[in-house]
Structure formats: structure tokens, C-alpha cells
Amino acid sequence: MSWNDFNNAEDQNSFDPLPKGTLVKVRMTIKPGGHNNEQKGWTGGYATRNATSGAVYLNAEFVVLEGQYARRKIWSLIGLHSEKGEEWANIGRSLIKGILNSARGIGNKDNSPAAQNARRINGLGDLDGIEFLARVDMEKDQNGNDKNVIKYAVTSDNKEYAALMGRGGYTAAPATAASPSQPQKPAGNMPSWAQ
């Protein structure tokens, strides 16, 4: 095989976006942006700050772990702060709560001491490598093409949760795992109100 002759290289794969609403088990990794704010608990350099807008977010990559879409990747931003108001941060906090609920097998309405404790993290690094059940959504990219995003974590309240996650109920240990460094792709556009 010669590295300057590509006649025998395999053809490219063309991946259409996953259908909107598809439920997939994913592992989230965070592309560190180097932004820290100890007062808010953003340490370890995981947060990214947009220099133009001042918006702060997690630049997240979600790798599908199982099923027909295994190894497919989806990129999304998880809002932490916007100069334009609390809406983006509140949406981000809700998604992170859902991710923790999903990863740890907790129902949305479970307010037991164990569930409350499972919804606490030591820092943003606890989210790097977390595995959970996600619902695929669709947005337009900067060129007007459809792209997948993750905006919703599916919890144990969903009838398909146990089968797709391979378990049910609370898991005492956080579902975090070290993930090898992988090439990252930009997460895409922020909502206009977050820019």
C-alpha cells in the first residue's frame, strides 16, 4: 500500500443525521475550553468562554455506544452562562440534571436523599465520560443543513430506559469513566440569544 496512491482506498462513508427522537446510549466527553471560575465551581478548564459574546458553555461530544448507530458522534453545547440572561444557563442546568438522573438511574420525581446526593457533582470533570440515554434532536447548522444535537436526557421514568441502558434503578457509583482523547469537531452555533 503506497501512501501517495489512493486508488485502492475505501470509499467515504456518508452519514445522514440520525432520525429526530431516536433514543441512544451515549458517552459524553468535554472538549476543554480552558475557562475557569472558581466562584461558580467551573474548574479544571472544562468550560469554554466565547470571547465575543461572553457566553460560557461545555463543548460536548456524544458518542453513540450501542445499536445501529454505534460509534456515531453528535456535538452540542451545554450552556452555563449568557450575558443576555439566565435562560441559557437554566436550560444547561436542566440538561445536566437530566444527564445525572439518566446516568445514575434516577427518576425525575425522586427526591430521596440518595437521589439528591446523586445529582451533586464535585466539578465539571465529573461529567467528562459520563454515559446516559439521550434523545436525538435536530437543528440547522451555519449552512442551513440538518445536524443532530443532544438536548434531552432520558431517565428511568421512560418505559424504554431499562432495556436501552441495560439496567434499571439507582447505581451508587457515578457512571464516569476515563475516555481516551479523541479528535474533536466544533460543536456548532450557539442560539442567537446566547451569542
N, C-alpha and C. Protein backbone atom coordinates (compact mmCIF):
# COMPACT_ATOMS: atom_id res chain seq x y z
N MET A 1 0.86 -1.18 0.00
CA MET A 1 0.00 0.00 0.00
C MET A 1 0.91 1.24 0.00
N SER A 2 0.73 2.06 -0.98
CA SER A 2 1.51 3.28 -1.10
C SER A 2 0.70 4.46 -0.57
N TRP A 3 1.34 5.33 0.22
CA TRP A 3 0.64 6.46 0.81
C TRP A 3 0.43 7.60 -0.16
N ASN A 4 0.92 7.48 -1.37
CA ASN A 4 0.66 8.53 -2.35
C ASN A 4 -0.24 8.05 -3.47
N ASP A 5 -0.77 6.81 -3.38
CA ASP A 5 -1.69 6.26 -4.37
C ASP A 5 -2.97 5.84 -3.64
N PHE A 6 -4.04 6.53 -3.89
CA PHE A 6 -5.30 6.31 -3.17
C PHE A 6 -6.34 5.55 -3.98
N ASN A 7 -5.94 4.92 -5.08
CA ASN A 7 -6.88 4.17 -5.89
C ASN A 7 -7.49 3.00 -5.15
N ASN A 8 -6.76 2.39 -4.21
CA ASN A 8 -7.29 1.24 -3.51
C ASN A 8 -7.83 1.59 -2.13
N ALA A 9 -7.98 2.89 -1.84
CA ALA A 9 -8.58 3.31 -0.58
C ALA A 9 -10.08 3.05 -0.61
N GLU A 10 -10.65 2.79 0.57
CA GLU A 10 -12.09 2.59 0.66
C GLU A 10 -12.82 3.88 0.34
N ASP A 11 -14.05 3.74 -0.18
CA ASP A 11 -14.87 4.91 -0.44
C ASP A 11 -15.29 5.55 0.87
N GLN A 12 -15.58 6.85 0.83
CA GLN A 12 -16.03 7.58 2.01
C GLN A 12 -17.41 7.09 2.44
N ASN A 13 -17.66 7.19 3.72
CA ASN A 13 -19.00 6.93 4.23
C ASN A 13 -19.73 8.25 4.32
N SER A 14 -20.98 8.26 3.90
CA SER A 14 -21.81 9.45 4.03
C SER A 14 -22.84 9.15 5.11
N PHE A 15 -22.84 9.97 6.16
CA PHE A 15 -23.76 9.73 7.26
C PHE A 15 -24.85 10.78 7.26
N ASP A 16 -26.07 10.32 7.05
CA ASP A 16 -27.21 11.20 7.22
C ASP A 16 -27.43 11.37 8.72
N PRO A 17 -28.04 12.47 9.13
CA PRO A 17 -28.33 12.64 10.56
C PRO A 17 -29.21 11.51 11.07
N LEU A 18 -29.07 11.19 12.34
CA LEU A 18 -29.94 10.21 12.98
C LEU A 18 -31.35 10.79 13.01
N PRO A 19 -32.37 9.95 12.91
CA PRO A 19 -33.74 10.45 12.95
C PRO A 19 -34.04 11.16 14.27
N LYS A 20 -34.73 12.29 14.18
CA LYS A 20 -35.13 13.04 15.37
C LYS A 20 -35.97 12.15 16.27
N GLY A 21 -35.67 12.19 17.57
CA GLY A 21 -36.42 11.41 18.53
C GLY A 21 -35.81 10.05 18.83
N THR A 22 -34.78 9.65 18.09
CA THR A 22 -34.12 8.37 18.34
C THR A 22 -33.51 8.38 19.75
N LEU A 23 -33.69 7.29 20.49
CA LEU A 23 -33.08 7.15 21.81
C LEU A 23 -31.79 6.34 21.65
N VAL A 24 -30.68 6.89 22.17
CA VAL A 24 -29.38 6.24 22.05
C VAL A 24 -28.61 6.36 23.36
N LYS A 25 -27.89 5.30 23.70
CA LYS A 25 -27.00 5.35 24.86
C LYS A 25 -25.70 6.00 24.37
N VAL A 26 -25.26 7.04 25.09
CA VAL A 26 -24.09 7.81 24.66
C VAL A 26 -23.08 7.97 25.80
N ARG A 27 -21.85 8.25 25.42
CA ARG A 27 -20.81 8.68 26.35
C ARG A 27 -20.48 10.12 25.99
N MET A 28 -20.55 10.99 26.98
CA MET A 28 -20.25 12.41 26.75
C MET A 28 -18.80 12.68 27.14
N THR A 29 -18.09 13.35 26.25
CA THR A 29 -16.77 13.86 26.59
C THR A 29 -16.80 15.36 26.37
N ILE A 30 -16.01 16.06 27.15
CA ILE A 30 -15.99 17.52 27.08
C ILE A 30 -14.67 17.96 26.48
N LYS A 31 -14.75 18.79 25.46
CA LYS A 31 -13.55 19.40 24.90
C LYS A 31 -13.22 20.59 25.80
N PRO A 32 -12.13 20.52 26.56
CA PRO A 32 -11.81 21.60 27.49
C PRO A 32 -11.57 22.93 26.75
N GLY A 33 -12.17 23.98 27.29
CA GLY A 33 -12.01 25.31 26.70
C GLY A 33 -11.09 26.20 27.50
N GLY A 34 -10.65 25.73 28.67
CA GLY A 34 -9.68 26.46 29.47
C GLY A 34 -10.25 27.57 30.34
N HIS A 35 -11.57 27.72 30.39
CA HIS A 35 -12.16 28.79 31.20
C HIS A 35 -12.49 28.26 32.60
N ASN A 36 -12.06 28.98 33.60
CA ASN A 36 -12.34 28.63 34.99
C ASN A 36 -13.00 29.81 35.70
N ASN A 37 -13.90 29.50 36.62
CA ASN A 37 -14.50 30.49 37.50
C ASN A 37 -14.80 29.76 38.81
N GLU A 38 -13.87 29.86 39.75
CA GLU A 38 -13.99 29.10 40.99
C GLU A 38 -15.25 29.44 41.77
N GLN A 39 -15.71 30.71 41.70
CA GLN A 39 -16.92 31.10 42.42
C GLN A 39 -18.13 30.31 41.95
N LYS A 40 -18.16 29.96 40.67
CA LYS A 40 -19.28 29.20 40.12
C LYS A 40 -19.02 27.70 40.10
N GLY A 41 -17.81 27.29 40.49
CA GLY A 41 -17.47 25.88 40.50
C GLY A 41 -16.97 25.36 39.17
N TRP A 42 -16.64 26.26 38.26
CA TRP A 42 -16.13 25.85 36.95
C TRP A 42 -14.62 25.78 37.03
N THR A 43 -14.11 24.61 37.34
CA THR A 43 -12.67 24.43 37.49
C THR A 43 -12.21 23.31 36.56
N GLY A 44 -10.93 23.15 36.46
CA GLY A 44 -10.37 22.09 35.63
C GLY A 44 -10.27 22.45 34.17
N GLY A 45 -10.67 23.67 33.81
CA GLY A 45 -10.56 24.12 32.42
C GLY A 45 -11.59 23.52 31.48
N TYR A 46 -12.65 22.90 32.01
CA TYR A 46 -13.64 22.25 31.14
C TYR A 46 -14.54 23.25 30.42
N ALA A 47 -14.85 24.37 31.03
CA ALA A 47 -15.76 25.34 30.43
C ALA A 47 -15.06 26.10 29.30
N THR A 48 -15.85 26.55 28.34
CA THR A 48 -15.37 27.37 27.24
C THR A 48 -16.09 28.70 27.31
N ARG A 49 -15.35 29.78 27.10
CA ARG A 49 -15.95 31.13 27.09
C ARG A 49 -15.79 31.72 25.70
N ASN A 50 -16.90 32.17 25.12
CA ASN A 50 -16.86 32.84 23.83
C ASN A 50 -16.40 34.26 24.07
N ALA A 51 -15.25 34.63 23.50
CA ALA A 51 -14.65 35.95 23.75
C ALA A 51 -15.55 37.08 23.26
N THR A 52 -16.31 36.86 22.21
CA THR A 52 -17.15 37.91 21.64
C THR A 52 -18.42 38.13 22.47
N SER A 53 -19.12 37.05 22.80
CA SER A 53 -20.41 37.18 23.47
C SER A 53 -20.32 37.09 24.99
N GLY A 54 -19.25 36.50 25.50
CA GLY A 54 -19.14 36.28 26.93
C GLY A 54 -19.88 35.03 27.39
N ALA A 55 -20.54 34.32 26.48
CA ALA A 55 -21.26 33.09 26.83
C ALA A 55 -20.26 32.03 27.29
N VAL A 56 -20.66 31.26 28.29
CA VAL A 56 -19.83 30.17 28.81
C VAL A 56 -20.62 28.88 28.64
N TYR A 57 -19.95 27.83 28.18
CA TYR A 57 -20.63 26.57 27.88
C TYR A 57 -19.67 25.40 27.96
N LEU A 58 -20.23 24.21 27.95
CA LEU A 58 -19.45 22.99 27.79
C LEU A 58 -19.55 22.59 26.32
N ASN A 59 -18.41 22.34 25.70
CA ASN A 59 -18.34 21.90 24.32
C ASN A 59 -18.32 20.38 24.36
N ALA A 60 -19.47 19.76 24.16
CA ALA A 60 -19.64 18.33 24.41
C ALA A 60 -19.72 17.52 23.12
N GLU A 61 -19.09 16.35 23.19
CA GLU A 61 -19.18 15.35 22.12
C GLU A 61 -19.86 14.14 22.72
N PHE A 62 -20.84 13.60 22.01
CA PHE A 62 -21.59 12.43 22.45
C PHE A 62 -21.33 11.31 21.45
N VAL A 63 -20.78 10.20 21.91
CA VAL A 63 -20.53 9.04 21.06
C VAL A 63 -21.58 7.99 21.37
N VAL A 64 -22.30 7.55 20.33
CA VAL A 64 -23.30 6.50 20.50
C VAL A 64 -22.57 5.20 20.79
N LEU A 65 -22.97 4.51 21.86
CA LEU A 65 -22.25 3.33 22.33
C LEU A 65 -22.76 2.01 21.76
N GLU A 66 -24.04 1.93 21.42
CA GLU A 66 -24.63 0.65 21.03
C GLU A 66 -25.63 0.84 19.90
N GLY A 67 -26.04 -0.30 19.32
CA GLY A 67 -27.11 -0.30 18.34
C GLY A 67 -26.65 0.05 16.94
N GLN A 68 -27.61 0.31 16.07
CA GLN A 68 -27.31 0.53 14.66
C GLN A 68 -26.51 1.81 14.41
N TYR A 69 -26.50 2.74 15.35
CA TYR A 69 -25.76 3.98 15.17
C TYR A 69 -24.47 4.02 16.00
N ALA A 70 -24.04 2.85 16.50
CA ALA A 70 -22.83 2.79 17.34
C ALA A 70 -21.66 3.50 16.66
N ARG A 71 -20.90 4.22 17.47
CA ARG A 71 -19.71 4.99 17.09
C ARG A 71 -20.02 6.30 16.37
N ARG A 72 -21.28 6.58 16.11
CA ARG A 72 -21.63 7.88 15.53
C ARG A 72 -21.42 8.95 16.59
N LYS A 73 -21.09 10.16 16.16
CA LYS A 73 -20.81 11.25 17.09
C LYS A 73 -21.78 12.40 16.85
N ILE A 74 -22.14 13.05 17.95
CA ILE A 74 -23.03 14.21 17.92
C ILE A 74 -22.37 15.27 18.78
N TRP A 75 -22.37 16.51 18.32
CA TRP A 75 -21.76 17.60 19.07
C TRP A 75 -22.81 18.61 19.49
N SER A 76 -22.73 19.06 20.73
CA SER A 76 -23.67 20.04 21.26
C SER A 76 -22.98 20.92 22.29
N LEU A 77 -23.55 22.09 22.49
CA LEU A 77 -23.11 22.98 23.56
C LEU A 77 -24.09 22.87 24.72
N ILE A 78 -23.54 22.87 25.93
CA ILE A 78 -24.38 22.88 27.13
C ILE A 78 -24.12 24.21 27.82
N GLY A 79 -25.12 25.07 27.84
CA GLY A 79 -24.97 26.42 28.36
C GLY A 79 -24.73 26.47 29.85
N LEU A 80 -23.79 27.34 30.25
CA LEU A 80 -23.52 27.59 31.67
C LEU A 80 -23.81 29.04 32.04
N HIS A 81 -23.63 29.96 31.08
CA HIS A 81 -23.82 31.39 31.36
C HIS A 81 -24.01 32.15 30.05
N SER A 82 -24.89 33.14 30.08
CA SER A 82 -25.06 34.06 28.96
C SER A 82 -25.19 35.47 29.52
N GLU A 83 -24.56 36.40 28.85
CA GLU A 83 -24.66 37.82 29.25
C GLU A 83 -26.09 38.34 29.05
N LYS A 84 -26.90 37.64 28.26
CA LYS A 84 -28.24 38.10 27.93
C LYS A 84 -29.31 37.64 28.92
N GLY A 85 -28.91 36.88 29.93
CA GLY A 85 -29.90 36.43 30.91
C GLY A 85 -29.65 35.00 31.34
N GLU A 86 -30.53 34.51 32.19
CA GLU A 86 -30.36 33.20 32.81
C GLU A 86 -30.90 32.03 31.98
N GLU A 87 -31.63 32.31 30.90
CA GLU A 87 -32.31 31.24 30.17
C GLU A 87 -31.36 30.14 29.70
N TRP A 88 -30.24 30.51 29.08
CA TRP A 88 -29.31 29.51 28.54
C TRP A 88 -28.71 28.68 29.68
N ALA A 89 -28.34 29.32 30.78
CA ALA A 89 -27.78 28.61 31.93
C ALA A 89 -28.83 27.67 32.54
N ASN A 90 -30.08 28.11 32.62
CA ASN A 90 -31.13 27.27 33.18
C ASN A 90 -31.38 26.04 32.31
N ILE A 91 -31.35 26.22 30.99
CA ILE A 91 -31.50 25.08 30.08
C ILE A 91 -30.33 24.11 30.27
N GLY A 92 -29.13 24.65 30.40
CA GLY A 92 -27.95 23.82 30.62
C GLY A 92 -28.02 23.06 31.94
N ARG A 93 -28.44 23.74 33.01
CA ARG A 93 -28.57 23.08 34.32
C ARG A 93 -29.60 21.97 34.26
N SER A 94 -30.72 22.21 33.56
CA SER A 94 -31.75 21.18 33.43
C SER A 94 -31.21 19.96 32.68
N LEU A 95 -30.45 20.20 31.61
CA LEU A 95 -29.88 19.08 30.85
C LEU A 95 -28.89 18.31 31.72
N ILE A 96 -28.03 19.00 32.45
CA ILE A 96 -27.07 18.31 33.31
C ILE A 96 -27.79 17.50 34.38
N LYS A 97 -28.86 18.04 34.97
CA LYS A 97 -29.65 17.28 35.94
C LYS A 97 -30.21 16.03 35.28
N GLY A 98 -30.74 16.16 34.07
CA GLY A 98 -31.26 15.00 33.33
C GLY A 98 -30.17 13.97 33.04
N ILE A 99 -28.98 14.45 32.67
CA ILE A 99 -27.86 13.55 32.40
C ILE A 99 -27.52 12.76 33.67
N LEU A 100 -27.44 13.45 34.80
CA LEU A 100 -27.13 12.77 36.06
C LEU A 100 -28.23 11.77 36.42
N ASN A 101 -29.49 12.17 36.26
CA ASN A 101 -30.60 11.25 36.53
C ASN A 101 -30.50 10.01 35.64
N SER A 102 -30.26 10.22 34.35
CA SER A 102 -30.19 9.12 33.40
C SER A 102 -29.01 8.20 33.70
N ALA A 103 -27.84 8.79 33.90
CA ALA A 103 -26.62 8.00 34.14
C ALA A 103 -26.71 7.20 35.42
N ARG A 104 -27.41 7.73 36.40
CA ARG A 104 -27.44 7.11 37.72
C ARG A 104 -28.76 6.40 38.02
N GLY A 105 -29.62 6.30 37.01
CA GLY A 105 -30.85 5.52 37.14
C GLY A 105 -31.88 6.12 38.07
N ILE A 106 -31.97 7.44 38.08
CA ILE A 106 -32.88 8.14 38.99
C ILE A 106 -34.07 8.69 38.21
N GLY A 107 -35.26 8.56 38.77
CA GLY A 107 -36.44 9.15 38.16
C GLY A 107 -36.49 10.65 38.43
N ASN A 108 -37.13 11.38 37.53
CA ASN A 108 -37.22 12.83 37.67
C ASN A 108 -37.89 13.27 38.97
N LYS A 109 -38.84 12.50 39.45
CA LYS A 109 -39.62 12.89 40.63
C LYS A 109 -39.00 12.36 41.93
N ASP A 110 -37.92 11.60 41.84
CA ASP A 110 -37.28 11.01 43.03
C ASP A 110 -36.51 12.08 43.78
N ASN A 111 -36.98 12.43 44.96
CA ASN A 111 -36.31 13.43 45.78
C ASN A 111 -35.77 12.83 47.07
N SER A 112 -35.53 11.52 47.06
CA SER A 112 -34.96 10.85 48.23
C SER A 112 -33.56 11.40 48.49
N PRO A 113 -33.05 11.24 49.70
CA PRO A 113 -31.69 11.70 49.99
C PRO A 113 -30.64 11.09 49.04
N ALA A 114 -30.80 9.81 48.70
CA ALA A 114 -29.85 9.17 47.78
C ALA A 114 -29.90 9.83 46.40
N ALA A 115 -31.11 10.12 45.91
CA ALA A 115 -31.25 10.76 44.60
C ALA A 115 -30.68 12.17 44.63
N GLN A 116 -30.96 12.92 45.70
CA GLN A 116 -30.42 14.27 45.80
C GLN A 116 -28.90 14.25 45.82
N ASN A 117 -28.31 13.30 46.53
CA ASN A 117 -26.86 13.18 46.58
C ASN A 117 -26.29 12.82 45.21
N ALA A 118 -27.00 11.96 44.46
CA ALA A 118 -26.54 11.54 43.14
C ALA A 118 -26.58 12.67 42.12
N ARG A 119 -27.34 13.71 42.39
CA ARG A 119 -27.43 14.85 41.49
C ARG A 119 -26.37 15.91 41.80
N ARG A 120 -25.47 15.61 42.70
CA ARG A 120 -24.38 16.54 43.03
C ARG A 120 -23.10 16.07 42.37
N ILE A 121 -22.30 17.02 41.90
CA ILE A 121 -21.01 16.68 41.31
C ILE A 121 -19.93 17.48 42.03
N ASN A 122 -18.72 16.99 41.98
CA ASN A 122 -17.59 17.70 42.58
C ASN A 122 -17.07 18.79 41.66
N GLY A 123 -17.31 18.65 40.38
CA GLY A 123 -16.85 19.62 39.39
C GLY A 123 -17.27 19.17 38.01
N LEU A 124 -17.06 20.03 37.03
CA LEU A 124 -17.46 19.71 35.66
C LEU A 124 -16.76 18.46 35.13
N GLY A 125 -15.58 18.16 35.66
CA GLY A 125 -14.86 16.96 35.25
C GLY A 125 -15.62 15.68 35.53
N ASP A 126 -16.55 15.70 36.50
CA ASP A 126 -17.37 14.53 36.79
C ASP A 126 -18.28 14.17 35.61
N LEU A 127 -18.53 15.13 34.73
CA LEU A 127 -19.40 14.89 33.58
C LEU A 127 -18.62 14.33 32.39
N ASP A 128 -17.31 14.46 32.41
CA ASP A 128 -16.48 14.01 31.29
C ASP A 128 -16.40 12.49 31.31
N GLY A 129 -17.00 11.84 30.33
CA GLY A 129 -17.01 10.38 30.25
C GLY A 129 -18.28 9.75 30.78
N ILE A 130 -19.25 10.55 31.21
CA ILE A 130 -20.49 10.01 31.76
C ILE A 130 -21.32 9.37 30.64
N GLU A 131 -21.98 8.25 30.96
CA GLU A 131 -22.81 7.54 30.00
C GLU A 131 -24.27 7.65 30.41
N PHE A 132 -25.13 7.94 29.43
CA PHE A 132 -26.55 8.11 29.71
C PHE A 132 -27.36 7.86 28.45
N LEU A 133 -28.68 7.84 28.61
CA LEU A 133 -29.59 7.64 27.49
C LEU A 133 -30.06 9.01 27.01
N ALA A 134 -29.86 9.28 25.73
CA ALA A 134 -30.18 10.59 25.16
C ALA A 134 -31.23 10.46 24.07
N ARG A 135 -32.01 11.52 23.91
CA ARG A 135 -32.93 11.62 22.78
C ARG A 135 -32.30 12.55 21.75
N VAL A 136 -32.18 12.08 20.54
CA VAL A 136 -31.57 12.85 19.46
C VAL A 136 -32.54 13.92 18.98
N ASP A 137 -32.02 15.14 18.82
CA ASP A 137 -32.81 16.23 18.29
C ASP A 137 -32.14 16.74 17.02
N MET A 138 -32.76 17.69 16.36
CA MET A 138 -32.27 18.20 15.09
C MET A 138 -32.25 19.72 15.13
N GLU A 139 -31.19 20.31 14.58
CA GLU A 139 -31.06 21.76 14.40
C GLU A 139 -30.48 22.00 13.02
N LYS A 140 -30.47 23.25 12.63
CA LYS A 140 -29.78 23.65 11.39
C LYS A 140 -28.38 24.12 11.75
N ASP A 141 -27.41 23.74 10.94
CA ASP A 141 -26.05 24.24 11.16
C ASP A 141 -25.89 25.60 10.49
N GLN A 142 -24.68 26.16 10.54
CA GLN A 142 -24.46 27.50 9.99
C GLN A 142 -24.72 27.58 8.50
N ASN A 143 -24.77 26.43 7.80
CA ASN A 143 -25.04 26.41 6.36
C ASN A 143 -26.48 26.05 6.04
N GLY A 144 -27.32 25.91 7.07
CA GLY A 144 -28.72 25.58 6.85
C GLY A 144 -28.98 24.09 6.68
N ASN A 145 -27.97 23.24 6.91
CA ASN A 145 -28.14 21.80 6.81
C ASN A 145 -28.56 21.23 8.16
N ASP A 146 -29.29 20.12 8.11
CA ASP A 146 -29.70 19.46 9.35
C ASP A 146 -28.48 18.86 10.05
N LYS A 147 -28.47 18.99 11.38
CA LYS A 147 -27.43 18.35 12.19
C LYS A 147 -28.07 17.87 13.48
N ASN A 148 -27.55 16.78 14.00
CA ASN A 148 -28.04 16.24 15.26
C ASN A 148 -27.46 17.00 16.43
N VAL A 149 -28.25 17.10 17.49
CA VAL A 149 -27.82 17.68 18.76
C VAL A 149 -28.46 16.86 19.88
N ILE A 150 -27.89 16.99 21.07
CA ILE A 150 -28.46 16.36 22.26
C ILE A 150 -28.93 17.48 23.17
N LYS A 151 -30.24 17.49 23.45
CA LYS A 151 -30.83 18.50 24.32
C LYS A 151 -31.64 17.87 25.45
N TYR A 152 -31.72 16.52 25.45
CA TYR A 152 -32.60 15.87 26.41
C TYR A 152 -32.03 14.52 26.82
N ALA A 153 -31.93 14.30 28.12
CA ALA A 153 -31.51 13.02 28.67
C ALA A 153 -32.74 12.25 29.13
N VAL A 154 -32.83 11.00 28.75
CA VAL A 154 -33.97 10.15 29.07
C VAL A 154 -33.69 9.45 30.41
N THR A 155 -34.64 9.53 31.32
CA THR A 155 -34.44 8.99 32.67
C THR A 155 -35.20 7.68 32.86
N SER A 156 -35.03 7.11 34.03
CA SER A 156 -35.65 5.80 34.33
C SER A 156 -37.17 5.85 34.34
N ASP A 157 -37.76 7.03 34.26
CA ASP A 157 -39.22 7.16 34.16
C ASP A 157 -39.73 6.67 32.81
N ASN A 158 -38.86 6.65 31.80
CA ASN A 158 -39.24 6.25 30.44
C ASN A 158 -39.31 4.73 30.36
N LYS A 159 -40.36 4.21 29.73
CA LYS A 159 -40.56 2.76 29.65
C LYS A 159 -39.45 2.05 28.88
N GLU A 160 -38.72 2.73 28.01
CA GLU A 160 -37.64 2.11 27.23
C GLU A 160 -36.28 2.21 27.92
N TYR A 161 -36.22 2.93 29.03
CA TYR A 161 -34.95 3.20 29.71
C TYR A 161 -34.19 1.92 30.07
N ALA A 162 -34.82 1.01 30.82
CA ALA A 162 -34.12 -0.19 31.32
C ALA A 162 -33.55 -1.02 30.18
N ALA A 163 -34.33 -1.21 29.13
CA ALA A 163 -33.86 -2.03 28.01
C ALA A 163 -32.69 -1.37 27.29
N LEU A 164 -32.76 -0.06 27.09
CA LEU A 164 -31.71 0.63 26.34
C LEU A 164 -30.46 0.91 27.17
N MET A 165 -30.63 1.10 28.46
CA MET A 165 -29.47 1.33 29.33
C MET A 165 -28.90 0.01 29.85
N GLY A 166 -29.67 -1.06 29.74
CA GLY A 166 -29.19 -2.34 30.20
C GLY A 166 -29.35 -2.53 31.69
N ARG A 167 -30.12 -1.67 32.34
CA ARG A 167 -30.35 -1.77 33.78
C ARG A 167 -31.48 -0.85 34.17
N GLY A 168 -31.85 -0.92 35.41
CA GLY A 168 -32.83 -0.01 35.98
C GLY A 168 -32.45 0.27 37.41
N GLY A 169 -32.93 1.34 37.95
CA GLY A 169 -32.67 1.67 39.35
C GLY A 169 -31.36 2.42 39.55
N TYR A 170 -31.20 2.89 40.75
CA TYR A 170 -30.07 3.74 41.10
C TYR A 170 -28.77 2.95 41.18
N THR A 171 -27.71 3.50 40.64
CA THR A 171 -26.38 2.94 40.74
C THR A 171 -25.58 3.84 41.66
N ALA A 172 -25.06 3.29 42.73
CA ALA A 172 -24.37 4.10 43.74
C ALA A 172 -23.15 4.81 43.20
N ALA A 173 -22.40 4.16 42.36
CA ALA A 173 -21.18 4.79 41.82
C ALA A 173 -21.52 5.64 40.63
N PRO A 174 -20.95 6.85 40.53
CA PRO A 174 -21.19 7.67 39.36
C PRO A 174 -20.73 6.94 38.10
N ALA A 175 -21.48 7.11 37.04
CA ALA A 175 -21.15 6.44 35.78
C ALA A 175 -20.15 7.26 34.99
N THR A 176 -19.00 7.52 35.58
CA THR A 176 -17.97 8.27 34.89
C THR A 176 -16.83 7.33 34.57
N ALA A 177 -16.24 7.53 33.41
CA ALA A 177 -15.12 6.69 33.00
C ALA A 177 -14.14 7.55 32.24
N ALA A 178 -12.89 7.23 32.39
CA ALA A 178 -11.88 7.95 31.64
C ALA A 178 -12.08 7.64 30.17
N SER A 179 -11.96 8.63 29.35
CA SER A 179 -12.14 8.45 27.92
C SER A 179 -10.87 8.87 27.21
N PRO A 180 -10.40 8.06 26.28
CA PRO A 180 -9.19 8.46 25.57
C PRO A 180 -9.43 9.74 24.79
N SER A 181 -8.40 10.51 24.63
CA SER A 181 -8.50 11.76 23.89
C SER A 181 -8.79 11.44 22.44
N GLN A 182 -9.81 12.09 21.90
CA GLN A 182 -10.18 11.86 20.51
C GLN A 182 -10.20 13.20 19.80
N PRO A 183 -9.97 13.18 18.49
CA PRO A 183 -10.09 14.44 17.75
C PRO A 183 -11.48 15.01 17.93
N GLN A 184 -11.55 16.30 18.12
CA GLN A 184 -12.82 16.95 18.38
C GLN A 184 -13.24 17.77 17.17
N LYS A 185 -14.54 17.92 17.03
CA LYS A 185 -15.13 18.73 15.98
C LYS A 185 -15.84 19.89 16.65
N PRO A 186 -15.82 21.07 16.08
CA PRO A 186 -16.54 22.19 16.71
C PRO A 186 -17.99 21.83 16.96
N ALA A 187 -18.53 22.33 18.05
CA ALA A 187 -19.88 21.97 18.46
C ALA A 187 -20.97 22.65 17.65
N GLY A 188 -20.66 23.69 16.92
CA GLY A 188 -21.70 24.34 16.12
C GLY A 188 -22.05 25.71 16.65
N ASN A 189 -23.20 26.19 16.21
CA ASN A 189 -23.63 27.53 16.57
C ASN A 189 -24.36 27.55 17.89
N MET A 190 -24.16 28.64 18.63
CA MET A 190 -24.93 28.86 19.83
C MET A 190 -26.26 29.49 19.44
N PRO A 191 -27.28 29.33 20.28
CA PRO A 191 -28.53 30.04 20.00
C PRO A 191 -28.27 31.54 19.93
N SER A 192 -29.05 32.26 19.15
CA SER A 192 -28.80 33.70 18.96
C SER A 192 -28.82 34.47 20.26
N TRP A 193 -29.67 34.06 21.22
CA TRP A 193 -29.75 34.82 22.48
C TRP A 193 -28.55 34.53 23.38
N ALA A 194 -27.75 33.52 23.06
CA ALA A 194 -26.57 33.20 23.88
C ALA A 194 -25.31 33.83 23.31
N GLN A 195 -25.40 34.37 22.10
CA GLN A 195 -24.21 34.93 21.46
C GLN A 195 -23.93 36.34 21.90
